[in-house]
Amino acid sequence: MASVQEIKRFRRNLADELDSAAVYDTLSAAEKDDERRRIFAELAASEREHAEVWRDKLAANGVEVRRHRRSAKTRLLQTLTRTFGPSLVLPTVAAAEYADRDRYAREPGAERLSAQEQQHAAIVQEIAANRRETGKSRGEQIAAAESWHRGATAGNDLRAAVLGANDGLVSNFCLIMGVAGAGSANRAILLTGLAGLVAGACSMALGEWLSVTNARELARTQLAKEADELEHTPDAERHELALIYQAKGIEADEARRVAAQIMDNKNEALDTLAREELGIDPKALGGSPWSAAAVSFCLFSLGAAFPTAAFLWAQGLSAIVQSVALSAFGLALVGVFTSLFNGRSATFSAFRQIVIGLAAAAFTAGAGRLLGVSIS
């Protein structure tokens, strides 16, 4: 008979497998590429097979299995997939699979499941890295794998969007509560909120534009130097590339062979060296600074609008209460979105976000109250 802790673990494993199956079903339905659609469908079927293992374990211990209810995180991933397509959520799914690849490594009797989970992680990594294109050399495949690993673990577009909106929400919420705590009139609070929204959004947009522009300029300079070195000292570059692959665990002879193959084509060599040595994607160079600035402006404004909106239609204490409520709702949304990246439950992430945001606002409100009294 399984212990209480084991029963809880079986339930959790069952829910996780069913949630994963639901996500892969949605990815399969939204995917336009026939081969990838088939792979996602097979992954969904495999996850349901895994779920049956845990369902059988629960039944063997006389535990009634209730109808599964998808988690908030799963529902969110499905909604984002249907709305924006698989490309937006795939890095998040790949990172989650990678993090959970050893989840059953120490589970008695789950050796087969553990091996399959590791296979799932490898498959999704490969899809996320677009490594299934034909004609790629071994060196390019390694470069793609490395760039995926950096992207999946360091962040992606969805994470940047959430954090941008969070910056606007928290900063403007604290600003408004500070001014409200000082006893300012409704009109003054509204103007402060709107000014904070515009100023903060402009600052974020300018900062993003400068950041991307400088990164692109630096990348171009480094690429030019790398091209010059490739032209004048090809032997040294080939040796350096071979050493890089050896450091990744490839045998010395194979590393030298791959390096020599890549160096036969100067364009391919420059592309590979840029990715391996400089960590630069020559085709993207960090993206467009103008689109980055526009997205930053819009996301910051969206977050900053939550605490400001209430003062457009309400007055006094009612406006402050509504502002706090709207901000708490916005913080909860941010928390739910961040649960896609931090591995915690949506409920925990939302609660934590609300507590931290309200604590920061309470502090600034108290500071505003003290300053307002001392100045008056």
Protein backbone atom coordinates (compact mmCIF):
# COMPACT_ATOMS: atom_id res chain seq x y z
CA MET A 1 0.00 0.00 0.00
CA ALA A 2 1.41 3.38 -0.99
CA SER A 3 1.98 6.06 1.62
CA VAL A 4 0.09 9.35 1.75
CA GLN A 5 3.05 11.18 0.21
CA GLU A 6 3.26 8.64 -2.60
CA ILE A 7 -0.45 9.02 -3.31
CA LYS A 8 -0.01 12.79 -3.53
CA ARG A 9 2.89 12.32 -5.90
CA PHE A 10 0.88 9.92 -8.08
CA ARG A 11 -1.96 12.47 -8.25
CA ARG A 12 0.45 15.27 -9.14
CA ASN A 13 2.13 13.16 -11.81
CA LEU A 14 -1.24 12.24 -13.31
CA ALA A 15 -2.35 15.88 -13.44
CA ASP A 16 0.96 17.01 -14.95
CA GLU A 17 0.82 14.37 -17.68
CA LEU A 18 -2.77 15.24 -18.60
CA ASP A 19 -1.91 18.93 -18.67
CA SER A 20 1.05 18.24 -20.95
CA ALA A 21 -1.15 16.15 -23.25
CA ALA A 22 -3.64 19.02 -23.47
CA VAL A 23 -0.89 21.49 -24.41
CA TYR A 24 0.49 19.18 -27.11
CA ASP A 25 -3.02 18.62 -28.47
CA THR A 26 -3.42 22.38 -28.83
CA LEU A 27 0.02 22.74 -30.42
CA SER A 28 -0.87 20.01 -32.89
CA ALA A 29 -4.17 21.66 -33.78
CA ALA A 30 -2.52 25.07 -34.29
CA GLU A 31 0.60 23.85 -36.13
CA LYS A 32 0.59 24.36 -39.90
CA ASP A 33 3.56 22.14 -40.68
CA ASP A 34 2.33 18.55 -41.23
CA GLU A 35 5.42 16.89 -39.77
CA ARG A 36 5.45 18.99 -36.63
CA ARG A 37 1.70 18.52 -36.25
CA ARG A 38 2.25 14.76 -36.31
CA ILE A 39 5.06 14.99 -33.74
CA PHE A 40 2.95 17.08 -31.37
CA ALA A 41 0.08 14.59 -31.71
CA GLU A 42 2.42 11.71 -30.92
CA LEU A 43 3.77 13.56 -27.88
CA ALA A 44 0.21 14.14 -26.67
CA ALA A 45 -0.58 10.44 -27.06
CA SER A 46 2.60 9.51 -25.20
CA GLU A 47 1.74 11.85 -22.33
CA ARG A 48 -1.70 10.24 -22.05
CA GLU A 49 -0.03 6.82 -21.90
CA HIS A 50 2.11 8.11 -19.04
CA ALA A 51 -1.02 9.39 -17.34
CA GLU A 52 -2.54 5.91 -17.48
CA VAL A 53 0.45 4.56 -15.53
CA TRP A 54 -0.30 6.91 -12.64
CA ARG A 55 -4.04 6.33 -12.93
CA ASP A 56 -3.43 2.58 -12.59
CA LYS A 57 -1.17 3.13 -9.56
CA LEU A 58 -3.89 5.18 -7.88
CA ALA A 59 -6.54 2.57 -8.71
CA ALA A 60 -4.30 -0.19 -7.36
CA ASN A 61 -4.23 1.66 -4.05
CA GLY A 62 -8.01 2.07 -3.98
CA VAL A 63 -7.90 5.80 -4.74
CA GLU A 64 -10.77 7.25 -6.73
CA VAL A 65 -9.50 9.37 -9.63
CA ARG A 66 -11.56 12.51 -10.07
CA ARG A 67 -12.18 14.12 -13.45
CA HIS A 68 -9.13 16.14 -14.42
CA ARG A 69 -9.35 19.92 -14.40
CA ARG A 70 -6.67 21.68 -16.40
CA SER A 71 -4.49 24.06 -14.45
CA ALA A 72 -4.60 27.82 -15.03
CA LYS A 73 -1.11 27.62 -16.53
CA THR A 74 -2.24 25.01 -19.04
CA ARG A 75 -5.32 27.02 -20.01
CA LEU A 76 -3.15 30.08 -20.50
CA LEU A 77 -0.68 28.22 -22.72
CA GLN A 78 -3.56 26.85 -24.78
CA THR A 79 -5.10 30.32 -25.17
CA LEU A 80 -1.79 31.85 -26.23
CA THR A 81 -1.21 29.03 -28.70
CA ARG A 82 -4.62 29.44 -30.31
CA THR A 83 -4.29 33.22 -30.42
CA PHE A 84 -0.67 33.74 -31.47
CA GLY A 85 0.40 30.35 -32.78
CA PRO A 86 2.87 27.72 -31.54
CA SER A 87 6.01 29.83 -32.07
CA LEU A 88 5.21 32.10 -29.11
CA VAL A 89 4.81 29.36 -26.51
CA LEU A 90 7.16 26.73 -27.90
CA PRO A 91 10.28 28.10 -26.11
CA THR A 92 8.35 27.98 -22.83
CA VAL A 93 7.18 24.42 -23.46
CA ALA A 94 10.70 23.39 -24.47
CA ALA A 95 12.20 24.92 -21.33
CA ALA A 96 9.60 23.15 -19.16
CA GLU A 97 10.31 19.81 -20.82
CA TYR A 98 14.02 20.34 -20.38
CA ALA A 99 13.59 21.15 -16.68
CA ASP A 100 11.37 18.07 -16.13
CA ARG A 101 13.40 15.62 -18.19
CA ASP A 102 14.64 13.80 -15.05
CA ARG A 103 11.43 14.01 -13.07
CA TYR A 104 10.99 10.21 -12.94
CA ALA A 105 14.68 9.33 -12.60
CA ARG A 106 14.23 8.32 -8.94
CA GLU A 107 10.68 7.03 -9.22
CA PRO A 108 10.56 3.25 -8.60
CA GLY A 109 9.24 1.34 -11.60
CA ALA A 110 9.22 4.41 -13.86
CA GLU A 111 12.43 3.76 -15.78
CA ARG A 112 10.65 3.58 -19.14
CA LEU A 113 8.77 6.80 -18.43
CA SER A 114 11.98 8.53 -17.43
CA ALA A 115 13.68 7.59 -20.69
CA GLN A 116 10.69 8.75 -22.71
CA GLU A 117 10.53 12.09 -20.87
CA GLN A 118 14.17 12.69 -21.78
CA GLN A 119 13.32 11.89 -25.39
CA HIS A 120 10.41 14.33 -25.28
CA ALA A 121 12.72 17.07 -24.01
CA ALA A 122 15.19 16.40 -26.83
CA ILE A 123 12.45 16.41 -29.48
CA VAL A 124 10.89 19.68 -28.32
CA GLN A 125 14.33 21.28 -28.03
CA GLU A 126 15.03 20.34 -31.62
CA ILE A 127 11.75 21.78 -32.85
CA ALA A 128 12.24 24.98 -30.84
CA ALA A 129 15.68 25.42 -32.32
CA ASN A 130 14.43 24.82 -35.89
CA ARG A 131 17.08 22.14 -36.26
CA ARG A 132 14.95 19.92 -38.45
CA GLU A 133 15.83 21.85 -41.62
CA THR A 134 17.60 19.71 -44.16
CA GLY A 135 21.14 20.29 -45.36
CA LYS A 136 22.58 21.49 -42.07
CA SER A 137 26.04 20.42 -41.04
CA ARG A 138 26.90 18.98 -37.66
CA GLY A 139 28.47 22.30 -36.69
CA GLU A 140 25.32 24.25 -37.52
CA GLN A 141 23.23 21.78 -35.53
CA ILE A 142 25.45 22.31 -32.51
CA ALA A 143 25.20 26.07 -32.93
CA ALA A 144 21.42 25.87 -33.12
CA ALA A 145 21.26 23.74 -30.00
CA GLU A 146 23.40 26.20 -28.10
CA SER A 147 21.35 29.20 -29.21
CA TRP A 148 18.14 27.42 -28.15
CA HIS A 149 19.60 26.63 -24.74
CA ARG A 150 20.49 30.28 -24.17
CA GLY A 151 17.11 31.44 -25.42
CA ALA A 152 15.03 28.93 -23.48
CA THR A 153 16.81 29.44 -20.20
CA ALA A 154 17.55 33.14 -20.36
CA GLY A 155 14.15 34.25 -21.64
CA ASN A 156 11.93 34.76 -24.67
CA ASP A 157 9.55 37.28 -26.20
CA LEU A 158 6.65 36.27 -23.97
CA ARG A 159 8.69 36.70 -20.81
CA ALA A 160 9.94 40.11 -21.95
CA ALA A 161 6.36 41.18 -22.62
CA VAL A 162 5.20 40.15 -19.16
CA LEU A 163 8.09 41.89 -17.42
CA GLY A 164 7.54 45.07 -19.44
CA ALA A 165 3.89 45.25 -18.41
CA ASN A 166 4.87 44.46 -14.81
CA ASP A 167 7.33 47.38 -14.73
CA GLY A 168 4.62 49.80 -15.83
CA LEU A 169 2.07 48.45 -13.38
CA VAL A 170 4.25 48.38 -10.27
CA SER A 171 6.05 51.68 -10.87
CA ASN A 172 2.87 53.64 -11.61
CA PHE A 173 0.93 51.92 -8.83
CA CYS A 174 3.59 52.94 -6.32
CA LEU A 175 3.76 56.46 -7.75
CA ILE A 176 -0.01 56.95 -7.53
CA MET A 177 -0.24 55.53 -4.01
CA GLY A 178 2.60 57.78 -2.90
CA VAL A 179 0.82 60.88 -4.19
CA ALA A 180 -2.52 59.69 -2.79
CA GLY A 181 -0.87 59.06 0.57
CA ALA A 182 0.28 62.67 0.63
CA GLY A 183 -3.39 63.74 0.50
CA SER A 184 -3.39 65.13 -3.04
CA ALA A 185 -6.64 65.90 -4.81
CA ASN A 186 -8.17 63.49 -7.32
CA ARG A 187 -7.16 65.66 -10.29
CA ALA A 188 -3.56 65.82 -9.12
CA ILE A 189 -3.44 62.04 -8.64
CA LEU A 190 -4.89 61.45 -12.13
CA LEU A 191 -2.41 63.84 -13.74
CA THR A 192 0.42 62.17 -11.84
CA GLY A 193 -0.69 58.75 -13.04
CA LEU A 194 -0.98 59.86 -16.65
CA ALA A 195 2.36 61.67 -16.49
CA GLY A 196 3.95 58.59 -14.96
CA LEU A 197 2.47 56.43 -17.70
CA VAL A 198 3.72 58.63 -20.55
CA ALA A 199 7.10 59.40 -19.01
CA GLY A 200 7.77 55.82 -18.03
CA ALA A 201 6.67 54.45 -21.41
CA CYS A 202 8.84 56.97 -23.27
CA SER A 203 11.79 56.17 -21.04
CA MET A 204 11.35 52.42 -21.55
CA ALA A 205 10.99 52.85 -25.32
CA LEU A 206 14.08 55.06 -25.57
CA GLY A 207 16.07 52.71 -23.37
CA GLU A 208 15.04 49.71 -25.48
CA TRP A 209 15.85 51.55 -28.71
CA LEU A 210 19.30 52.49 -27.44
CA SER A 211 19.95 49.02 -26.11
CA VAL A 212 19.04 47.25 -29.35
CA THR A 213 20.77 49.85 -31.53
CA ASN A 214 24.00 49.64 -29.56
CA ALA A 215 23.83 45.85 -29.56
CA ARG A 216 23.38 45.80 -33.34
CA GLU A 217 26.26 48.20 -33.89
CA LEU A 218 28.53 46.18 -31.64
CA ALA A 219 27.47 42.96 -33.38
CA ARG A 220 28.27 44.43 -36.81
CA THR A 221 31.69 45.53 -35.59
CA GLN A 222 32.44 42.10 -34.15
CA LEU A 223 31.22 40.38 -37.33
CA ALA A 224 33.46 42.60 -39.44
CA LYS A 225 36.47 41.70 -37.29
CA GLU A 226 35.57 38.01 -37.44
CA ALA A 227 35.26 38.18 -41.25
CA ASP A 228 38.67 39.86 -41.44
CA GLU A 229 40.24 37.16 -39.25
CA LEU A 230 38.55 34.48 -41.33
CA GLU A 231 40.03 36.00 -44.49
CA HIS A 232 43.59 36.48 -43.24
CA THR A 233 44.06 33.73 -40.61
CA PRO A 234 41.78 30.84 -41.65
CA ASP A 235 43.96 28.16 -40.04
CA ALA A 236 43.75 29.84 -36.65
CA GLU A 237 39.97 30.17 -36.96
CA ARG A 238 39.62 26.52 -37.96
CA HIS A 239 41.72 25.48 -34.96
CA GLU A 240 39.66 27.71 -32.66
CA LEU A 241 36.40 26.25 -33.95
CA ALA A 242 37.71 22.71 -33.46
CA LEU A 243 38.62 23.56 -29.85
CA ILE A 244 35.14 24.92 -29.25
CA TYR A 245 33.58 21.65 -30.40
CA GLN A 246 36.03 19.63 -28.33
CA ALA A 247 34.96 21.64 -25.29
CA LYS A 248 31.40 20.55 -26.05
CA GLY A 249 32.45 16.91 -25.72
CA ILE A 250 33.10 15.99 -29.35
CA GLU A 251 36.11 13.77 -30.04
CA ALA A 252 39.18 15.66 -31.28
CA ASP A 253 39.26 14.02 -34.72
CA GLU A 254 35.54 14.55 -35.26
CA ALA A 255 35.82 18.16 -34.06
CA ARG A 256 38.62 18.86 -36.54
CA ARG A 257 36.65 17.20 -39.33
CA VAL A 258 33.53 19.26 -38.59
CA ALA A 259 35.58 22.46 -38.35
CA ALA A 260 37.28 21.74 -41.68
CA GLN A 261 33.91 21.04 -43.31
CA ILE A 262 32.48 24.31 -42.08
CA MET A 263 35.54 26.31 -43.17
CA ASP A 264 35.08 25.15 -46.77
CA ASN A 265 32.28 27.70 -47.11
CA LYS A 266 33.21 31.19 -45.89
CA ASN A 267 29.63 32.34 -45.38
CA GLU A 268 28.79 29.24 -43.38
CA ALA A 269 32.04 29.59 -41.44
CA LEU A 270 31.30 33.22 -40.54
CA ASP A 271 27.76 32.33 -39.49
CA THR A 272 28.95 29.45 -37.31
CA LEU A 273 31.83 31.40 -35.75
CA ALA A 274 29.49 34.28 -34.99
CA ARG A 275 27.13 31.96 -33.14
CA GLU A 276 29.75 29.82 -31.42
CA GLU A 277 32.39 32.38 -30.53
CA LEU A 278 30.43 35.63 -30.29
CA GLY A 279 26.96 34.38 -29.40
CA ILE A 280 25.49 36.44 -32.27
CA ASP A 281 22.77 35.48 -34.72
CA PRO A 282 23.97 37.19 -37.92
CA LYS A 283 20.50 37.06 -39.47
CA ALA A 284 18.77 38.83 -36.59
CA LEU A 285 21.42 40.99 -34.87
CA GLY A 286 19.08 41.53 -31.94
CA GLY A 287 16.02 42.54 -33.97
CA SER A 288 14.68 45.95 -34.99
CA PRO A 289 15.25 48.79 -32.49
CA TRP A 290 12.08 50.53 -33.65
CA SER A 291 9.81 47.55 -33.14
CA ALA A 292 11.47 46.88 -29.78
CA ALA A 293 10.84 50.49 -28.74
CA ALA A 294 7.21 50.37 -29.86
CA VAL A 295 6.53 47.11 -28.04
CA SER A 296 8.17 48.43 -24.86
CA PHE A 297 6.10 51.62 -25.01
CA CYS A 298 2.83 49.73 -25.46
CA LEU A 299 3.53 47.11 -22.79
CA PHE A 300 4.63 49.64 -20.17
CA SER A 301 1.55 51.76 -20.94
CA LEU A 302 -0.71 48.73 -20.61
CA GLY A 303 0.62 47.91 -17.17
CA ALA A 304 0.63 51.54 -16.01
CA ALA A 305 -3.01 51.96 -17.06
CA PHE A 306 -4.30 49.54 -14.39
CA PRO A 307 -3.71 51.77 -11.33
CA THR A 308 -4.53 54.97 -13.25
CA ALA A 309 -7.86 54.06 -14.81
CA ALA A 310 -9.98 54.26 -11.64
CA PHE A 311 -9.30 57.99 -11.24
CA LEU A 312 -10.98 58.66 -14.60
CA TRP A 313 -14.44 57.80 -13.23
CA ALA A 314 -14.17 57.78 -9.43
CA GLN A 315 -13.22 60.26 -6.71
CA GLY A 316 -11.51 60.22 -3.34
CA LEU A 317 -11.36 57.04 -1.29
CA SER A 318 -13.52 55.14 -3.81
CA ALA A 319 -11.00 55.87 -6.57
CA ILE A 320 -8.11 54.73 -4.38
CA VAL A 321 -9.88 51.49 -3.45
CA GLN A 322 -10.72 50.77 -7.09
CA SER A 323 -7.16 51.58 -8.13
CA VAL A 324 -5.83 49.08 -5.59
CA ALA A 325 -8.33 46.47 -6.77
CA LEU A 326 -7.46 46.97 -10.45
CA SER A 327 -3.76 46.89 -9.65
CA ALA A 328 -4.16 43.70 -7.64
CA PHE A 329 -5.99 42.17 -10.60
CA GLY A 330 -3.18 43.24 -12.92
CA LEU A 331 -0.57 41.85 -10.55
CA ALA A 332 -2.45 38.56 -10.44
CA LEU A 333 -2.40 38.39 -14.25
CA VAL A 334 1.34 39.05 -14.23
CA GLY A 335 1.78 36.31 -11.65
CA VAL A 336 -0.18 33.83 -13.76
CA PHE A 337 1.96 34.64 -16.79
CA THR A 338 5.21 34.37 -14.82
CA SER A 339 4.16 30.88 -13.71
CA LEU A 340 4.91 29.86 -17.29
CA PHE A 341 8.60 30.49 -16.64
CA ASN A 342 9.28 29.87 -12.96
CA GLY A 343 7.88 26.36 -12.61
CA ARG A 344 5.54 27.35 -9.75
CA SER A 345 1.76 27.06 -9.75
CA ALA A 346 -0.31 29.90 -11.19
CA THR A 347 -2.05 30.42 -7.84
CA PHE A 348 1.21 30.73 -5.91
CA SER A 349 2.76 33.06 -8.50
CA ALA A 350 -0.32 35.29 -8.59
CA PHE A 351 -0.54 35.47 -4.79
CA ARG A 352 3.15 36.27 -4.44
CA GLN A 353 2.94 38.98 -7.09
CA ILE A 354 -0.04 40.59 -5.37
CA VAL A 355 1.60 40.55 -1.94
CA ILE A 356 4.86 42.07 -3.19
CA GLY A 357 3.09 44.71 -5.29
CA LEU A 358 0.73 45.74 -2.48
CA ALA A 359 3.61 45.86 0.00
CA ALA A 360 5.58 48.18 -2.29
CA ALA A 361 2.53 50.41 -2.80
CA ALA A 362 1.81 50.52 0.95
CA PHE A 363 5.40 51.56 1.60
CA THR A 364 5.25 54.42 -0.90
CA ALA A 365 1.82 55.46 0.39
CA GLY A 366 3.26 55.63 3.91
CA ALA A 367 6.25 57.58 2.66
CA GLY A 368 3.91 59.95 0.81
CA ARG A 369 1.85 60.41 3.95
CA LEU A 370 4.92 61.29 6.04
CA LEU A 371 6.28 63.69 3.41
CA GLY A 372 2.87 65.30 2.93
CA VAL A 373 2.52 65.95 6.65
CA SER A 374 6.07 67.26 7.04
CA ILE A 375 5.82 69.59 4.02
CA SER A 376 2.42 70.93 5.03
